[in-house]
Amino acid sequence: MITTPRLRVQPLSLEQLRLHIVDNDRLEQTLGLLKGHREVAEPLLSIITHFVIPRLEDSALDPFYQTIWIAIDNEKRQIVADAKFKGEPDETGTVEIGYGTYPAFRRQGYMTEMVGGLLNWAGQQPGVRRVIADTNAENIGSQRVLEKNGFRLFARIEEMLWWEYIVE
């Protein structure tokens, strides 16, 4: 679990992840949270069903790099965002991160805070030397999240921008 000034960021277990996609408030009930504005829609639902769950069922893989991490606002006691690493570090020490804030909580700094916490966690893990992320060229909000966390733009492929953060 990761703690930031406003958030508790935690990885979901396989059982919690199944609750995350089955029903909009059973996960909150098991975590002692208030029902909020969480909605697991496409493409996240397909990602969890077809990639995340099968990888969490594989005991050879590190679950922290496979699962969904949720951000819980400590004061509101609601889930406000989620993120995930897209697998374990590769041979260069690179991990990729993806993230999203639920619409009711956008433009409040939650994702900047969550990504910062995940970067701190990743920087303490053996073998992680670089974190990358991609954003659509039109997604200014996501680009700001990365810039505020020290990422730098390193490539553009059509409408996709690729960013990197070097772990020191």
C-alpha atoms as a PDB file:
ATOM      1  CA  MET A   1       0.000   0.000   0.000  1.00  0.00           C
ATOM      2  CA  ILE A   2       1.140   3.535  -0.820  1.00  0.00           C
ATOM      3  CA  THR A   3       0.170   6.617   1.170  1.00  0.00           C
ATOM      4  CA  THR A   4       0.133  10.133  -0.287  1.00  0.00           C
ATOM      5  CA  PRO A   5      -1.222  13.322   1.315  1.00  0.00           C
ATOM      6  CA  ARG A   6      -4.841  12.614   0.280  1.00  0.00           C
ATOM      7  CA  LEU A   7      -4.803   9.064  -0.996  1.00  0.00           C
ATOM      8  CA  ARG A   8      -4.355   5.451  -0.075  1.00  0.00           C
ATOM      9  CA  VAL A   9      -3.160   3.634  -3.191  1.00  0.00           C
ATOM     10  CA  GLN A  10      -3.458  -0.118  -3.031  1.00  0.00           C
ATOM     11  CA  PRO A  11      -3.168  -3.068  -5.372  1.00  0.00           C
ATOM     12  CA  LEU A  12      -6.232  -5.272  -5.723  1.00  0.00           C
ATOM     13  CA  SER A  13      -6.068  -8.968  -4.934  1.00  0.00           C
ATOM     14  CA  LEU A  14      -7.565 -11.407  -7.424  1.00  0.00           C
ATOM     15  CA  GLU A  15     -10.746 -11.669  -5.328  1.00  0.00           C
ATOM     16  CA  GLN A  16     -11.014  -7.865  -5.033  1.00  0.00           C
ATOM     17  CA  LEU A  17     -10.427  -7.488  -8.767  1.00  0.00           C
ATOM     18  CA  ARG A  18     -13.313  -9.845  -9.507  1.00  0.00           C
ATOM     19  CA  LEU A  19     -15.545  -7.712  -7.260  1.00  0.00           C
ATOM     20  CA  HIS A  20     -14.271  -4.614  -9.078  1.00  0.00           C
ATOM     21  CA  ILE A  21     -15.829  -5.806 -12.353  1.00  0.00           C
ATOM     22  CA  VAL A  22     -18.925  -7.639 -11.069  1.00  0.00           C
ATOM     23  CA  ASP A  23     -20.804  -4.950  -9.213  1.00  0.00           C
ATOM     24  CA  ASN A  24     -20.475  -1.231  -8.550  1.00  0.00           C
ATOM     25  CA  ASP A  25     -20.465  -1.350  -4.761  1.00  0.00           C
ATOM     26  CA  ARG A  26     -19.447  -4.797  -3.490  1.00  0.00           C
ATOM     27  CA  LEU A  27     -15.764  -3.861  -3.662  1.00  0.00           C
ATOM     28  CA  GLU A  28     -16.444  -0.726  -1.631  1.00  0.00           C
ATOM     29  CA  GLN A  29     -18.398  -2.766   0.935  1.00  0.00           C
ATOM     30  CA  THR A  30     -15.504  -5.209   1.439  1.00  0.00           C
ATOM     31  CA  LEU A  31     -13.043  -2.311   1.805  1.00  0.00           C
ATOM     32  CA  GLY A  32     -15.260  -0.353   4.215  1.00  0.00           C
ATOM     33  CA  LEU A  33     -15.729   2.505   1.736  1.00  0.00           C
ATOM     34  CA  LEU A  34     -18.669   4.579   0.600  1.00  0.00           C
ATOM     35  CA  LYS A  35     -20.300   3.886  -2.729  1.00  0.00           C
ATOM     36  CA  GLY A  36     -18.967   6.381  -5.213  1.00  0.00           C
ATOM     37  CA  HIS A  37     -18.793   7.107  -8.894  1.00  0.00           C
ATOM     38  CA  ARG A  38     -16.636   4.139  -9.886  1.00  0.00           C
ATOM     39  CA  GLU A  39     -17.558   2.591 -13.190  1.00  0.00           C
ATOM     40  CA  VAL A  40     -15.584  -0.146 -14.909  1.00  0.00           C
ATOM     41  CA  ALA A  41     -16.337   0.420 -18.591  1.00  0.00           C
ATOM     42  CA  GLU A  42     -14.601  -0.501 -21.829  1.00  0.00           C
ATOM     43  CA  PRO A  43     -11.743  -0.755 -22.560  1.00  0.00           C
ATOM     44  CA  LEU A  44     -10.833  -1.322 -18.877  1.00  0.00           C
ATOM     45  CA  LEU A  45     -13.376  -4.137 -18.491  1.00  0.00           C
ATOM     46  CA  SER A  46     -11.834  -6.118 -21.382  1.00  0.00           C
ATOM     47  CA  ILE A  47      -8.302  -5.438 -20.141  1.00  0.00           C
ATOM     48  CA  ILE A  48      -9.167  -6.792 -16.692  1.00  0.00           C
ATOM     49  CA  THR A  49     -11.103  -9.791 -18.015  1.00  0.00           C
ATOM     50  CA  HIS A  50      -8.700 -10.899 -20.754  1.00  0.00           C
ATOM     51  CA  PHE A  51      -5.291  -9.804 -19.453  1.00  0.00           C
ATOM     52  CA  VAL A  52      -5.211  -8.850 -15.778  1.00  0.00           C
ATOM     53  CA  ILE A  53      -7.144 -11.764 -14.260  1.00  0.00           C
ATOM     54  CA  PRO A  54      -5.298 -14.475 -16.244  1.00  0.00           C
ATOM     55  CA  ARG A  55      -1.960 -12.932 -15.283  1.00  0.00           C
ATOM     56  CA  LEU A  56      -2.921 -12.720 -11.615  1.00  0.00           C
ATOM     57  CA  GLU A  57      -3.808 -16.408 -11.749  1.00  0.00           C
ATOM     58  CA  ASP A  58      -0.231 -17.152 -12.926  1.00  0.00           C
ATOM     59  CA  SER A  59       1.828 -17.545  -9.739  1.00  0.00           C
ATOM     60  CA  ALA A  60       5.072 -17.127 -11.711  1.00  0.00           C
ATOM     61  CA  LEU A  61       4.262 -13.431 -12.294  1.00  0.00           C
ATOM     62  CA  ASP A  62       4.617 -10.652  -9.721  1.00  0.00           C
ATOM     63  CA  PRO A  63       1.023  -9.613  -8.884  1.00  0.00           C
ATOM     64  CA  PHE A  64       2.009  -6.001  -8.136  1.00  0.00           C
ATOM     65  CA  TYR A  65       2.945  -5.524 -11.801  1.00  0.00           C
ATOM     66  CA  GLN A  66      -0.155  -7.325 -13.088  1.00  0.00           C
ATOM     67  CA  THR A  67      -3.086  -6.027 -11.037  1.00  0.00           C
ATOM     68  CA  ILE A  68      -5.103  -2.819 -10.911  1.00  0.00           C
ATOM     69  CA  TRP A  69      -4.112  -0.310  -8.228  1.00  0.00           C
ATOM     70  CA  ILE A  70      -6.933   1.841  -6.841  1.00  0.00           C
ATOM     71  CA  ALA A  71      -6.696   5.319  -5.321  1.00  0.00           C
ATOM     72  CA  ILE A  72      -8.939   5.939  -2.326  1.00  0.00           C
ATOM     73  CA  ASP A  73      -9.582   9.493  -1.147  1.00  0.00           C
ATOM     74  CA  ASN A  74      -9.045   9.209   2.614  1.00  0.00           C
ATOM     75  CA  GLU A  75     -11.469  11.997   3.495  1.00  0.00           C
ATOM     76  CA  LYS A  76     -14.275  11.056   1.073  1.00  0.00           C
ATOM     77  CA  ARG A  77     -13.710   7.312   1.630  1.00  0.00           C
ATOM     78  CA  GLN A  78     -14.314   6.686  -2.078  1.00  0.00           C
ATOM     79  CA  ILE A  79     -12.339   5.166  -4.936  1.00  0.00           C
ATOM     80  CA  VAL A  80     -11.410   8.036  -7.247  1.00  0.00           C
ATOM     81  CA  ALA A  81      -9.012   6.520  -9.792  1.00  0.00           C
ATOM     82  CA  ASP A  82      -7.119   3.435 -10.869  1.00  0.00           C
ATOM     83  CA  ALA A  83      -3.846   2.589 -12.559  1.00  0.00           C
ATOM     84  CA  LYS A  84      -1.752  -0.392 -13.514  1.00  0.00           C
ATOM     85  CA  PHE A  85       1.713  -1.390 -14.506  1.00  0.00           C
ATOM     86  CA  LYS A  86       1.666  -3.196 -17.833  1.00  0.00           C
ATOM     87  CA  GLY A  87       3.864  -6.054 -16.714  1.00  0.00           C
ATOM     88  CA  GLU A  88       7.126  -6.582 -14.906  1.00  0.00           C
ATOM     89  CA  PRO A  89      10.326  -4.678 -15.725  1.00  0.00           C
ATOM     90  CA  ASP A  90      11.850  -5.737 -19.039  1.00  0.00           C
ATOM     91  CA  GLU A  91      15.553  -6.456 -19.653  1.00  0.00           C
ATOM     92  CA  THR A  92      16.302  -2.704 -19.668  1.00  0.00           C
ATOM     93  CA  GLY A  93      14.533  -2.142 -16.336  1.00  0.00           C
ATOM     94  CA  THR A  94      11.551  -0.446 -18.005  1.00  0.00           C
ATOM     95  CA  VAL A  95       7.951  -0.724 -16.807  1.00  0.00           C
ATOM     96  CA  GLU A  96       4.952   0.891 -18.432  1.00  0.00           C
ATOM     97  CA  ILE A  97       2.108   2.524 -16.540  1.00  0.00           C
ATOM     98  CA  GLY A  98      -1.471   3.281 -17.543  1.00  0.00           C
ATOM     99  CA  TYR A  99      -4.062   5.179 -15.519  1.00  0.00           C
ATOM    100  CA  GLY A 100      -7.478   6.815 -15.388  1.00  0.00           C
ATOM    101  CA  THR A 101      -9.518   9.018 -13.085  1.00  0.00           C
ATOM    102  CA  TYR A 102     -13.261   8.455 -12.769  1.00  0.00           C
ATOM    103  CA  PRO A 103     -15.115  11.351 -14.462  1.00  0.00           C
ATOM    104  CA  ALA A 104     -16.613  12.766 -11.245  1.00  0.00           C
ATOM    105  CA  PHE A 105     -13.095  13.234  -9.817  1.00  0.00           C
ATOM    106  CA  ARG A 106     -11.199  14.683 -12.777  1.00  0.00           C
ATOM    107  CA  ARG A 107      -9.261  17.959 -12.574  1.00  0.00           C
ATOM    108  CA  GLN A 108      -8.705  17.630  -8.821  1.00  0.00           C
ATOM    109  CA  GLY A 109      -5.088  16.455  -8.872  1.00  0.00           C
ATOM    110  CA  TYR A 110      -5.834  12.858  -7.903  1.00  0.00           C
ATOM    111  CA  MET A 111      -4.010  11.292 -10.833  1.00  0.00           C
ATOM    112  CA  THR A 112      -0.944  13.481 -10.396  1.00  0.00           C
ATOM    113  CA  GLU A 113      -0.812  12.343  -6.771  1.00  0.00           C
ATOM    114  CA  MET A 114      -1.463   8.679  -7.606  1.00  0.00           C
ATOM    115  CA  VAL A 115       1.167   8.540 -10.368  1.00  0.00           C
ATOM    116  CA  GLY A 116       3.661  10.210  -8.019  1.00  0.00           C
ATOM    117  CA  GLY A 117       3.021   7.546  -5.390  1.00  0.00           C
ATOM    118  CA  LEU A 118       3.376   4.738  -7.922  1.00  0.00           C
ATOM    119  CA  LEU A 119       6.629   6.250  -9.212  1.00  0.00           C
ATOM    120  CA  ASN A 120       8.012   6.331  -5.670  1.00  0.00           C
ATOM    121  CA  TRP A 121       7.006   2.700  -5.190  1.00  0.00           C
ATOM    122  CA  ALA A 122       8.461   1.614  -8.553  1.00  0.00           C
ATOM    123  CA  GLY A 123      11.709   3.452  -7.810  1.00  0.00           C
ATOM    124  CA  GLN A 124      12.184   1.278  -4.717  1.00  0.00           C
ATOM    125  CA  GLN A 125      11.702  -1.999  -6.590  1.00  0.00           C
ATOM    126  CA  PRO A 126      14.742  -3.989  -7.690  1.00  0.00           C
ATOM    127  CA  GLY A 127      15.423  -3.789 -11.394  1.00  0.00           C
ATOM    128  CA  VAL A 128      13.226  -0.766 -12.170  1.00  0.00           C
ATOM    129  CA  ARG A 129      15.249   1.958 -13.886  1.00  0.00           C
ATOM    130  CA  ARG A 130      12.673   3.611 -16.119  1.00  0.00           C
ATOM    131  CA  VAL A 131       8.896   4.108 -16.214  1.00  0.00           C
ATOM    132  CA  ILE A 132       7.155   4.885 -19.503  1.00  0.00           C
ATOM    133  CA  ALA A 133       3.625   5.969 -20.397  1.00  0.00           C
ATOM    134  CA  ASP A 134       1.738   6.880 -23.537  1.00  0.00           C
ATOM    135  CA  THR A 135      -0.912   9.512 -24.090  1.00  0.00           C
ATOM    136  CA  ASN A 136      -2.988  10.612 -27.021  1.00  0.00           C
ATOM    137  CA  ALA A 137      -1.715  13.904 -28.450  1.00  0.00           C
ATOM    138  CA  GLU A 138      -5.097  15.486 -27.673  1.00  0.00           C
ATOM    139  CA  ASN A 139      -5.164  14.364 -24.011  1.00  0.00           C
ATOM    140  CA  ILE A 140      -3.678  17.479 -22.417  1.00  0.00           C
ATOM    141  CA  GLY A 141      -4.770  16.464 -18.903  1.00  0.00           C
ATOM    142  CA  SER A 142      -2.854  13.198 -19.044  1.00  0.00           C
ATOM    143  CA  GLN A 143       0.195  14.980 -20.440  1.00  0.00           C
ATOM    144  CA  ARG A 144       0.107  17.432 -17.513  1.00  0.00           C
ATOM    145  CA  VAL A 145      -0.019  14.536 -15.040  1.00  0.00           C
ATOM    146  CA  LEU A 146       3.166  13.134 -16.553  1.00  0.00           C
ATOM    147  CA  GLU A 147       4.932  16.506 -16.767  1.00  0.00           C
ATOM    148  CA  LYS A 148       4.130  17.295 -13.111  1.00  0.00           C
ATOM    149  CA  ASN A 149       5.692  13.965 -12.143  1.00  0.00           C
ATOM    150  CA  GLY A 150       8.946  14.559 -14.005  1.00  0.00           C
ATOM    151  CA  PHE A 151       8.289  12.559 -17.178  1.00  0.00           C
ATOM    152  CA  ARG A 152       9.778  13.836 -20.425  1.00  0.00           C
ATOM    153  CA  LEU A 153       8.481  13.316 -23.936  1.00  0.00           C
ATOM    154  CA  PHE A 154      10.762  10.976 -25.899  1.00  0.00           C
ATOM    155  CA  ALA A 155       8.772   9.922 -28.966  1.00  0.00           C
ATOM    156  CA  ARG A 156       5.710  10.591 -31.073  1.00  0.00           C
ATOM    157  CA  ILE A 157       4.142   7.971 -33.304  1.00  0.00           C
ATOM    158  CA  GLU A 158       1.245   9.502 -35.212  1.00  0.00           C
ATOM    159  CA  GLU A 159      -1.202  10.692 -32.508  1.00  0.00           C
ATOM    160  CA  MET A 160       0.518   8.819 -29.647  1.00  0.00           C
ATOM    161  CA  LEU A 161       3.041  10.550 -27.405  1.00  0.00           C
ATOM    162  CA  TRP A 162       5.520   8.447 -25.432  1.00  0.00           C
ATOM    163  CA  TRP A 163       6.909   9.679 -22.123  1.00  0.00           C
ATOM    164  CA  GLU A 164       9.639   8.431 -19.795  1.00  0.00           C
ATOM    165  CA  TYR A 165      10.671   8.892 -16.194  1.00  0.00           C
ATOM    166  CA  ILE A 166      14.212   7.868 -15.253  1.00  0.00           C
ATOM    167  CA  VAL A 167      14.486   6.377 -11.758  1.00  0.00           C
ATOM    168  CA  GLU A 168      17.407   7.870  -9.866  1.00  0.00           C
END
